[in-house]
Amino acid sequence: MEGGYEYVSLETCDVDQATLTAGFIESDAHGGFIGAGLGLRLLSFTLGPRVRWGFFPDYQLFSVGGEFGVRIQLGILEPHLLLGVGYTAVGNL
């Protein structure tokens, strides 16, 4: 389980067909999030799914995906590399 505070910066495309113009609309937001992950660790490798739900004033941000990680044990240090892929959707615009 995880939770915290996050910042998002979104850009959407706005098309005005009457004047045949297009532009970008920027939207920044701050808000909290909750999430959970499930994983399997084999030796130095980790693999598993993760979901996250962000709460912002005008919308919610949902994401689901998978993660693959490698951990290297160097005495008391354990640096790691994590690669994740997934899908993100915006709700309640």
PDB file of N, CA and C in Angstrom:
ATOM      1  N   MET A   1       0.846  -1.181   0.000  1.00  0.00           N
ATOM      2  CA  MET A   1       0.000   0.000   0.000  1.00  0.00           C
ATOM      3  C   MET A   1       0.888   1.241   0.000  1.00  0.00           C
ATOM      4  N   GLU A   2       0.398   2.268  -0.639  1.00  0.00           N
ATOM      5  CA  GLU A   2       1.129   3.523  -0.691  1.00  0.00           C
ATOM      6  C   GLU A   2       0.142   4.680  -0.687  1.00  0.00           C
ATOM      7  N   GLY A   3       0.617   5.813  -0.321  1.00  0.00           N
ATOM      8  CA  GLY A   3      -0.191   7.021  -0.350  1.00  0.00           C
ATOM      9  C   GLY A   3       0.722   8.222  -0.287  1.00  0.00           C
ATOM     10  N   GLY A   4       0.199   9.350  -0.707  1.00  0.00           N
ATOM     11  CA  GLY A   4       1.028  10.544  -0.679  1.00  0.00           C
ATOM     12  C   GLY A   4       0.401  11.701  -1.416  1.00  0.00           C
ATOM     13  N   TYR A   5       1.260  12.575  -1.858  1.00  0.00           N
ATOM     14  CA  TYR A   5       0.859  13.815  -2.515  1.00  0.00           C
ATOM     15  C   TYR A   5       1.549  13.871  -3.864  1.00  0.00           C
ATOM     16  N   GLU A   6       0.831  14.257  -4.923  1.00  0.00           N
ATOM     17  CA  GLU A   6       1.448  14.323  -6.236  1.00  0.00           C
ATOM     18  C   GLU A   6       1.026  15.567  -7.002  1.00  0.00           C
ATOM     19  N   TYR A   7       1.810  15.867  -8.014  1.00  0.00           N
ATOM     20  CA  TYR A   7       1.589  17.005  -8.901  1.00  0.00           C
ATOM     21  C   TYR A   7       1.491  16.469 -10.322  1.00  0.00           C
ATOM     22  N   VAL A   8       0.497  16.939 -11.096  1.00  0.00           N
ATOM     23  CA  VAL A   8       0.380  16.565 -12.508  1.00  0.00           C
ATOM     24  C   VAL A   8       0.305  17.829 -13.358  1.00  0.00           C
ATOM     25  N   SER A   9       0.852  17.723 -14.547  1.00  0.00           N
ATOM     26  CA  SER A   9       0.798  18.798 -15.523  1.00  0.00           C
ATOM     27  C   SER A   9       0.291  18.190 -16.822  1.00  0.00           C
ATOM     28  N   LEU A  10      -0.951  18.509 -17.189  1.00  0.00           N
ATOM     29  CA  LEU A  10      -1.583  17.931 -18.363  1.00  0.00           C
ATOM     30  C   LEU A  10      -1.686  18.969 -19.469  1.00  0.00           C
ATOM     31  N   GLU A  11      -1.626  18.518 -20.709  1.00  0.00           N
ATOM     32  CA  GLU A  11      -1.868  19.372 -21.866  1.00  0.00           C
ATOM     33  C   GLU A  11      -2.918  18.696 -22.736  1.00  0.00           C
ATOM     34  N   THR A  12      -3.928  19.449 -23.139  1.00  0.00           N
ATOM     35  CA  THR A  12      -4.935  18.927 -24.048  1.00  0.00           C
ATOM     36  C   THR A  12      -4.978  19.804 -25.288  1.00  0.00           C
ATOM     37  N   CYS A  13      -5.421  19.234 -26.370  1.00  0.00           N
ATOM     38  CA  CYS A  13      -5.500  19.957 -27.630  1.00  0.00           C
ATOM     39  C   CYS A  13      -6.908  20.541 -27.770  1.00  0.00           C
ATOM     40  N   ASP A  14      -7.000  21.817 -28.087  1.00  0.00           N
ATOM     41  CA  ASP A  14      -8.277  22.500 -28.283  1.00  0.00           C
ATOM     42  C   ASP A  14      -8.377  22.919 -29.744  1.00  0.00           C
ATOM     43  N   VAL A  15      -9.390  22.414 -30.444  1.00  0.00           N
ATOM     44  CA  VAL A  15      -9.579  22.715 -31.867  1.00  0.00           C
ATOM     45  C   VAL A  15     -10.821  23.581 -32.030  1.00  0.00           C
ATOM     46  N   ASP A  16     -10.656  24.715 -32.702  1.00  0.00           N
ATOM     47  CA  ASP A  16     -11.779  25.601 -33.021  1.00  0.00           C
ATOM     48  C   ASP A  16     -12.066  25.459 -34.517  1.00  0.00           C
ATOM     49  N   GLN A  17     -13.118  24.718 -34.851  1.00  0.00           N
ATOM     50  CA  GLN A  17     -13.425  24.451 -36.251  1.00  0.00           C
ATOM     51  C   GLN A  17     -13.937  25.690 -36.988  1.00  0.00           C
ATOM     52  N   ALA A  18     -14.515  26.628 -36.261  1.00  0.00           N
ATOM     53  CA  ALA A  18     -15.041  27.834 -36.908  1.00  0.00           C
ATOM     54  C   ALA A  18     -13.921  28.682 -37.494  1.00  0.00           C
ATOM     55  N   THR A  19     -12.805  28.782 -36.780  1.00  0.00           N
ATOM     56  CA  THR A  19     -11.689  29.593 -37.271  1.00  0.00           C
ATOM     57  C   THR A  19     -10.533  28.753 -37.801  1.00  0.00           C
ATOM     58  N   LEU A  20     -10.709  27.433 -37.801  1.00  0.00           N
ATOM     59  CA  LEU A  20      -9.683  26.497 -38.263  1.00  0.00           C
ATOM     60  C   LEU A  20      -8.350  26.708 -37.547  1.00  0.00           C
ATOM     61  N   THR A  21      -8.411  26.809 -36.228  1.00  0.00           N
ATOM     62  CA  THR A  21      -7.201  26.962 -35.424  1.00  0.00           C
ATOM     63  C   THR A  21      -7.160  25.860 -34.373  1.00  0.00           C
ATOM     64  N   ALA A  22      -5.974  25.632 -33.844  1.00  0.00           N
ATOM     65  CA  ALA A  22      -5.792  24.656 -32.773  1.00  0.00           C
ATOM     66  C   ALA A  22      -4.739  25.184 -31.814  1.00  0.00           C
ATOM     67  N   GLY A  23      -4.831  24.761 -30.599  1.00  0.00           N
ATOM     68  CA  GLY A  23      -3.864  25.171 -29.596  1.00  0.00           C
ATOM     69  C   GLY A  23      -3.860  24.193 -28.443  1.00  0.00           C
ATOM     70  N   PHE A  24      -2.980  24.427 -27.507  1.00  0.00           N
ATOM     71  CA  PHE A  24      -2.872  23.562 -26.336  1.00  0.00           C
ATOM     72  C   PHE A  24      -3.377  24.291 -25.103  1.00  0.00           C
ATOM     73  N   ILE A  25      -4.086  23.571 -24.256  1.00  0.00           N
ATOM     74  CA  ILE A  25      -4.569  24.086 -22.980  1.00  0.00           C
ATOM     75  C   ILE A  25      -3.821  23.334 -21.891  1.00  0.00           C
ATOM     76  N   GLU A  26      -3.128  24.054 -21.027  1.00  0.00           N
ATOM     77  CA  GLU A  26      -2.386  23.430 -19.943  1.00  0.00           C
ATOM     78  C   GLU A  26      -3.223  23.414 -18.678  1.00  0.00           C
ATOM     79  N   SER A  27      -3.065  22.360 -17.903  1.00  0.00           N
ATOM     80  CA  SER A  27      -3.772  22.221 -16.637  1.00  0.00           C
ATOM     81  C   SER A  27      -2.830  21.601 -15.618  1.00  0.00           C
ATOM     82  N   ASP A  28      -2.546  22.311 -14.556  1.00  0.00           N
ATOM     83  CA  ASP A  28      -1.715  21.804 -13.471  1.00  0.00           C
ATOM     84  C   ASP A  28      -2.598  21.546 -12.264  1.00  0.00           C
ATOM     85  N   ALA A  29      -2.262  20.523 -11.490  1.00  0.00           N
ATOM     86  CA  ALA A  29      -3.047  20.225 -10.289  1.00  0.00           C
ATOM     87  C   ALA A  29      -2.173  19.537  -9.250  1.00  0.00           C
ATOM     88  N   HIS A  30      -2.541  19.722  -8.004  1.00  0.00           N
ATOM     89  CA  HIS A  30      -1.905  19.074  -6.863  1.00  0.00           C
ATOM     90  C   HIS A  30      -2.982  18.277  -6.143  1.00  0.00           C
ATOM     91  N   GLY A  31      -2.628  17.117  -5.614  1.00  0.00           N
ATOM     92  CA  GLY A  31      -3.602  16.336  -4.869  1.00  0.00           C
ATOM     93  C   GLY A  31      -2.984  15.089  -4.279  1.00  0.00           C
ATOM     94  N   GLY A  32      -3.777  14.374  -3.533  1.00  0.00           N
ATOM     95  CA  GLY A  32      -3.325  13.152  -2.891  1.00  0.00           C
ATOM     96  C   GLY A  32      -3.539  11.939  -3.781  1.00  0.00           C
ATOM     97  N   PHE A  33      -2.881  10.845  -3.424  1.00  0.00           N
ATOM     98  CA  PHE A  33      -3.079   9.595  -4.144  1.00  0.00           C
ATOM     99  C   PHE A  33      -2.993   8.417  -3.191  1.00  0.00           C
ATOM    100  N   ILE A  34      -3.624   7.323  -3.590  1.00  0.00           N
ATOM    101  CA  ILE A  34      -3.477   6.049  -2.906  1.00  0.00           C
ATOM    102  C   ILE A  34      -3.153   5.005  -3.965  1.00  0.00           C
ATOM    103  N   GLY A  35      -2.481   3.961  -3.572  1.00  0.00           N
ATOM    104  CA  GLY A  35      -2.123   2.932  -4.525  1.00  0.00           C
ATOM    105  C   GLY A  35      -1.759   1.638  -3.831  1.00  0.00           C
ATOM    106  N   ALA A  36      -1.634   0.599  -4.630  1.00  0.00           N
ATOM    107  CA  ALA A  36      -1.249  -0.709  -4.105  1.00  0.00           C
ATOM    108  C   ALA A  36      -0.498  -1.469  -5.185  1.00  0.00           C
ATOM    109  N   GLY A  37       0.394  -2.305  -4.753  1.00  0.00           N
ATOM    110  CA  GLY A  37       1.149  -3.144  -5.670  1.00  0.00           C
ATOM    111  C   GLY A  37       1.273  -4.541  -5.094  1.00  0.00           C
ATOM    112  N   LEU A  38       1.476  -5.471  -5.969  1.00  0.00           N
ATOM    113  CA  LEU A  38       1.652  -6.863  -5.585  1.00  0.00           C
ATOM    114  C   LEU A  38       2.845  -7.368  -6.377  1.00  0.00           C
ATOM    115  N   GLY A  39       3.748  -8.072  -5.740  1.00  0.00           N
ATOM    116  CA  GLY A  39       4.939  -8.457  -6.474  1.00  0.00           C
ATOM    117  C   GLY A  39       5.497  -9.793  -6.069  1.00  0.00           C
ATOM    118  N   LEU A  40       6.351 -10.273  -6.923  1.00  0.00           N
ATOM    119  CA  LEU A  40       7.066 -11.520  -6.718  1.00  0.00           C
ATOM    120  C   LEU A  40       8.548 -11.208  -6.843  1.00  0.00           C
ATOM    121  N   ARG A  41       9.330 -11.665  -5.872  1.00  0.00           N
ATOM    122  CA  ARG A  41      10.765 -11.405  -5.913  1.00  0.00           C
ATOM    123  C   ARG A  41      11.503 -12.729  -6.015  1.00  0.00           C
ATOM    124  N   LEU A  42      12.312 -12.849  -7.055  1.00  0.00           N
ATOM    125  CA  LEU A  42      13.154 -14.022  -7.266  1.00  0.00           C
ATOM    126  C   LEU A  42      14.599 -13.557  -7.346  1.00  0.00           C
ATOM    127  N   LEU A  43      15.365 -13.917  -6.336  1.00  0.00           N
ATOM    128  CA  LEU A  43      16.753 -13.482  -6.226  1.00  0.00           C
ATOM    129  C   LEU A  43      16.837 -11.961  -6.297  1.00  0.00           C
ATOM    130  N   SER A  44      17.379 -11.398  -7.358  1.00  0.00           N
ATOM    131  CA  SER A  44      17.520  -9.951  -7.465  1.00  0.00           C
ATOM    132  C   SER A  44      16.443  -9.296  -8.308  1.00  0.00           C
ATOM    133  N   PHE A  45      15.484 -10.067  -8.819  1.00  0.00           N
ATOM    134  CA  PHE A  45      14.484  -9.555  -9.744  1.00  0.00           C
ATOM    135  C   PHE A  45      13.117  -9.461  -9.085  1.00  0.00           C
ATOM    136  N   THR A  46      12.366  -8.397  -9.400  1.00  0.00           N
ATOM    137  CA  THR A  46      10.997  -8.238  -8.921  1.00  0.00           C
ATOM    138  C   THR A  46      10.076  -8.035 -10.123  1.00  0.00           C
ATOM    139  N   LEU A  47       8.847  -8.523  -9.990  1.00  0.00           N
ATOM    140  CA  LEU A  47       7.865  -8.436 -11.053  1.00  0.00           C
ATOM    141  C   LEU A  47       6.487  -8.380 -10.422  1.00  0.00           C
ATOM    142  N   GLY A  48       5.621  -7.457 -10.910  1.00  0.00           N
ATOM    143  CA  GLY A  48       4.275  -7.401 -10.360  1.00  0.00           C
ATOM    144  C   GLY A  48       3.447  -6.246 -10.881  1.00  0.00           C
ATOM    145  N   PRO A  49       2.131  -6.277 -10.599  1.00  0.00           N
ATOM    146  CA  PRO A  49       1.223  -5.206 -11.016  1.00  0.00           C
ATOM    147  C   PRO A  49       1.137  -4.097  -9.969  1.00  0.00           C
ATOM    148  N   ARG A  50       0.715  -2.905 -10.402  1.00  0.00           N
ATOM    149  CA  ARG A  50       0.517  -1.760  -9.502  1.00  0.00           C
ATOM    150  C   ARG A  50      -0.667  -0.946  -9.992  1.00  0.00           C
ATOM    151  N   VAL A  51      -1.480  -0.453  -9.061  1.00  0.00           N
ATOM    152  CA  VAL A  51      -2.591   0.454  -9.374  1.00  0.00           C
ATOM    153  C   VAL A  51      -2.432   1.707  -8.519  1.00  0.00           C
ATOM    154  N   ARG A  52      -2.898   2.839  -9.049  1.00  0.00           N
ATOM    155  CA  ARG A  52      -2.827   4.113  -8.319  1.00  0.00           C
ATOM    156  C   ARG A  52      -4.035   4.963  -8.681  1.00  0.00           C
ATOM    157  N   TRP A  53      -4.564   5.670  -7.688  1.00  0.00           N
ATOM    158  CA  TRP A  53      -5.732   6.525  -7.874  1.00  0.00           C
ATOM    159  C   TRP A  53      -5.407   7.882  -7.262  1.00  0.00           C
ATOM    160  N   GLY A  54      -5.341   8.923  -8.117  1.00  0.00           N
ATOM    161  CA  GLY A  54      -5.033  10.279  -7.668  1.00  0.00           C
ATOM    162  C   GLY A  54      -6.287  11.131  -7.591  1.00  0.00           C
ATOM    163  N   PHE A  55      -6.385  11.931  -6.538  1.00  0.00           N
ATOM    164  CA  PHE A  55      -7.547  12.791  -6.301  1.00  0.00           C
ATOM    165  C   PHE A  55      -7.141  14.249  -6.477  1.00  0.00           C
ATOM    166  N   PHE A  56      -7.750  14.924  -7.450  1.00  0.00           N
ATOM    167  CA  PHE A  56      -7.452  16.324  -7.736  1.00  0.00           C
ATOM    168  C   PHE A  56      -8.751  17.120  -7.679  1.00  0.00           C
ATOM    169  N   PRO A  57      -8.688  18.439  -7.576  1.00  0.00           N
ATOM    170  CA  PRO A  57      -9.911  19.235  -7.413  1.00  0.00           C
ATOM    171  C   PRO A  57     -10.963  19.029  -8.508  1.00  0.00           C
ATOM    172  N   ASP A  58     -10.564  18.920  -9.780  1.00  0.00           N
ATOM    173  CA  ASP A  58     -11.540  18.828 -10.860  1.00  0.00           C
ATOM    174  C   ASP A  58     -11.664  17.449 -11.487  1.00  0.00           C
ATOM    175  N   TYR A  59     -10.794  16.511 -11.142  1.00  0.00           N
ATOM    176  CA  TYR A  59     -10.823  15.191 -11.772  1.00  0.00           C
ATOM    177  C   TYR A  59     -10.053  14.186 -10.922  1.00  0.00           C
ATOM    178  N   GLN A  60     -10.138  12.920 -11.331  1.00  0.00           N
ATOM    179  CA  GLN A  60      -9.329  11.860 -10.751  1.00  0.00           C
ATOM    180  C   GLN A  60      -8.431  11.279 -11.840  1.00  0.00           C
ATOM    181  N   LEU A  61      -7.300  10.740 -11.432  1.00  0.00           N
ATOM    182  CA  LEU A  61      -6.346  10.146 -12.353  1.00  0.00           C
ATOM    183  C   LEU A  61      -6.142   8.691 -11.932  1.00  0.00           C
ATOM    184  N   PHE A  62      -6.461   7.751 -12.818  1.00  0.00           N
ATOM    185  CA  PHE A  62      -6.357   6.328 -12.530  1.00  0.00           C
ATOM    186  C   PHE A  62      -5.215   5.734 -13.350  1.00  0.00           C
ATOM    187  N   SER A  63      -4.426   4.867 -12.753  1.00  0.00           N
ATOM    188  CA  SER A  63      -3.384   4.189 -13.518  1.00  0.00           C
ATOM    189  C   SER A  63      -3.264   2.745 -13.060  1.00  0.00           C
ATOM    190  N   VAL A  64      -2.967   1.889 -14.013  1.00  0.00           N
ATOM    191  CA  VAL A  64      -2.749   0.465 -13.749  1.00  0.00           C
ATOM    192  C   VAL A  64      -1.611   0.008 -14.651  1.00  0.00           C
ATOM    193  N   GLY A  65      -0.756  -0.824 -14.137  1.00  0.00           N
ATOM    194  CA  GLY A  65       0.368  -1.251 -14.960  1.00  0.00           C
ATOM    195  C   GLY A  65       1.192  -2.320 -14.291  1.00  0.00           C
ATOM    196  N   GLY A  66       2.289  -2.649 -14.923  1.00  0.00           N
ATOM    197  CA  GLY A  66       3.202  -3.646 -14.406  1.00  0.00           C
ATOM    198  C   GLY A  66       4.582  -3.051 -14.191  1.00  0.00           C
ATOM    199  N   GLU A  67       5.337  -3.678 -13.300  1.00  0.00           N
ATOM    200  CA  GLU A  67       6.688  -3.213 -12.996  1.00  0.00           C
ATOM    201  C   GLU A  67       7.662  -4.382 -13.032  1.00  0.00           C
ATOM    202  N   PHE A  68       8.871  -4.096 -13.476  1.00  0.00           N
ATOM    203  CA  PHE A  68       9.969  -5.052 -13.454  1.00  0.00           C
ATOM    204  C   PHE A  68      11.158  -4.349 -12.829  1.00  0.00           C
ATOM    205  N   GLY A  69      11.774  -4.983 -11.849  1.00  0.00           N
ATOM    206  CA  GLY A  69      12.889  -4.347 -11.169  1.00  0.00           C
ATOM    207  C   GLY A  69      14.069  -5.277 -10.965  1.00  0.00           C
ATOM    208  N   VAL A  70      15.243  -4.666 -10.816  1.00  0.00           N
ATOM    209  CA  VAL A  70      16.476  -5.385 -10.521  1.00  0.00           C
ATOM    210  C   VAL A  70      17.110  -4.715  -9.317  1.00  0.00           C
ATOM    211  N   ARG A  71      17.465  -5.517  -8.316  1.00  0.00           N
ATOM    212  CA  ARG A  71      18.124  -5.011  -7.109  1.00  0.00           C
ATOM    213  C   ARG A  71      19.536  -5.585  -7.031  1.00  0.00           C
ATOM    214  N   ILE A  72      20.481  -4.751  -6.647  1.00  0.00           N
ATOM    215  CA  ILE A  72      21.879  -5.160  -6.544  1.00  0.00           C
ATOM    216  C   ILE A  72      22.303  -4.944  -5.096  1.00  0.00           C
ATOM    217  N   GLN A  73      22.687  -6.009  -4.411  1.00  0.00           N
ATOM    218  CA  GLN A  73      23.098  -5.890  -3.017  1.00  0.00           C
ATOM    219  C   GLN A  73      24.592  -5.610  -2.936  1.00  0.00           C
ATOM    220  N   LEU A  74      24.903  -4.470  -2.329  1.00  0.00           N
ATOM    221  CA  LEU A  74      26.286  -4.046  -2.118  1.00  0.00           C
ATOM    222  C   LEU A  74      26.475  -3.787  -0.631  1.00  0.00           C
ATOM    223  N   GLY A  75      26.613  -4.829   0.142  1.00  0.00           N
ATOM    224  CA  GLY A  75      26.731  -4.678   1.587  1.00  0.00           C
ATOM    225  C   GLY A  75      25.420  -4.170   2.167  1.00  0.00           C
ATOM    226  N   ILE A  76      25.474  -3.043   2.886  1.00  0.00           N
ATOM    227  CA  ILE A  76      24.248  -2.490   3.465  1.00  0.00           C
ATOM    228  C   ILE A  76      23.454  -1.661   2.456  1.00  0.00           C
ATOM    229  N   LEU A  77      24.036  -1.372   1.291  1.00  0.00           N
ATOM    230  CA  LEU A  77      23.342  -0.629   0.236  1.00  0.00           C
ATOM    231  C   LEU A  77      22.649  -1.604  -0.714  1.00  0.00           C
ATOM    232  N   GLU A  78      21.517  -1.185  -1.243  1.00  0.00           N
ATOM    233  CA  GLU A  78      20.787  -1.998  -2.211  1.00  0.00           C
ATOM    234  C   GLU A  78      20.197  -1.107  -3.298  1.00  0.00           C
ATOM    235  N   PRO A  79      21.052  -0.605  -4.226  1.00  0.00           N
ATOM    236  CA  PRO A  79      20.505   0.206  -5.322  1.00  0.00           C
ATOM    237  C   PRO A  79      19.619  -0.660  -6.211  1.00  0.00           C
ATOM    238  N   HIS A  80      18.623  -0.021  -6.837  1.00  0.00           N
ATOM    239  CA  HIS A  80      17.729  -0.785  -7.709  1.00  0.00           C
ATOM    240  C   HIS A  80      17.284   0.043  -8.897  1.00  0.00           C
ATOM    241  N   LEU A  81      16.910  -0.661  -9.941  1.00  0.00           N
ATOM    242  CA  LEU A  81      16.409  -0.079 -11.169  1.00  0.00           C
ATOM    243  C   LEU A  81      15.005  -0.623 -11.380  1.00  0.00           C
ATOM    244  N   LEU A  82      14.049   0.254 -11.681  1.00  0.00           N
ATOM    245  CA  LEU A  82      12.658  -0.147 -11.830  1.00  0.00           C
ATOM    246  C   LEU A  82      12.122   0.357 -13.159  1.00  0.00           C
ATOM    247  N   LEU A  83      11.487  -0.523 -13.919  1.00  0.00           N
ATOM    248  CA  LEU A  83      10.882  -0.177 -15.197  1.00  0.00           C
ATOM    249  C   LEU A  83       9.401  -0.524 -15.112  1.00  0.00           C
ATOM    250  N   GLY A  84       8.560   0.448 -15.442  1.00  0.00           N
ATOM    251  CA  GLY A  84       7.118   0.223 -15.384  1.00  0.00           C
ATOM    252  C   GLY A  84       6.427   0.646 -16.667  1.00  0.00           C
ATOM    253  N   VAL A  85       5.404  -0.084 -17.034  1.00  0.00           N
ATOM    254  CA  VAL A  85       4.573   0.249 -18.185  1.00  0.00           C
ATOM    255  C   VAL A  85       3.119   0.123 -17.752  1.00  0.00           C
ATOM    256  N   GLY A  86       2.243   0.916 -18.387  1.00  0.00           N
ATOM    257  CA  GLY A  86       0.849   0.813 -17.989  1.00  0.00           C
ATOM    258  C   GLY A  86      -0.063   1.749 -18.751  1.00  0.00           C
ATOM    259  N   TYR A  87      -1.237   1.922 -18.197  1.00  0.00           N
ATOM    260  CA  TYR A  87      -2.297   2.709 -18.793  1.00  0.00           C
ATOM    261  C   TYR A  87      -2.794   3.716 -17.762  1.00  0.00           C
ATOM    262  N   THR A  88      -2.999   4.958 -18.189  1.00  0.00           N
ATOM    263  CA  THR A  88      -3.513   6.006 -17.303  1.00  0.00           C
ATOM    264  C   THR A  88      -4.735   6.640 -17.937  1.00  0.00           C
ATOM    265  N   ALA A  89      -5.766   6.897 -17.125  1.00  0.00           N
ATOM    266  CA  ALA A  89      -7.003   7.515 -17.606  1.00  0.00           C
ATOM    267  C   ALA A  89      -7.408   8.640 -16.658  1.00  0.00           C
ATOM    268  N   VAL A  90      -8.073   9.634 -17.201  1.00  0.00           N
ATOM    269  CA  VAL A  90      -8.575  10.762 -16.422  1.00  0.00           C
ATOM    270  C   VAL A  90     -10.084  10.636 -16.333  1.00  0.00           C
ATOM    271  N   GLY A  91     -10.636  10.811 -15.129  1.00  0.00           N
ATOM    272  CA  GLY A  91     -12.076  10.710 -14.946  1.00  0.00           C
ATOM    273  C   GLY A  91     -12.675  11.981 -14.368  1.00  0.00           C
ATOM    274  N   ASN A  92     -13.953  12.186 -14.595  1.00  0.00           N
ATOM    275  CA  ASN A  92     -14.738  13.317 -14.060  1.00  0.00           C
ATOM    276  C   ASN A  92     -14.226  14.668 -14.502  1.00  0.00           C
ATOM    277  N   LEU A  93     -13.941  14.835 -15.788  1.00  0.00           N
ATOM    278  CA  LEU A  93     -13.554  16.166 -16.279  1.00  0.00           C
ATOM    279  C   LEU A  93     -14.767  17.056 -16.375  1.00  0.00           C
TER     280      LEU A  93
END
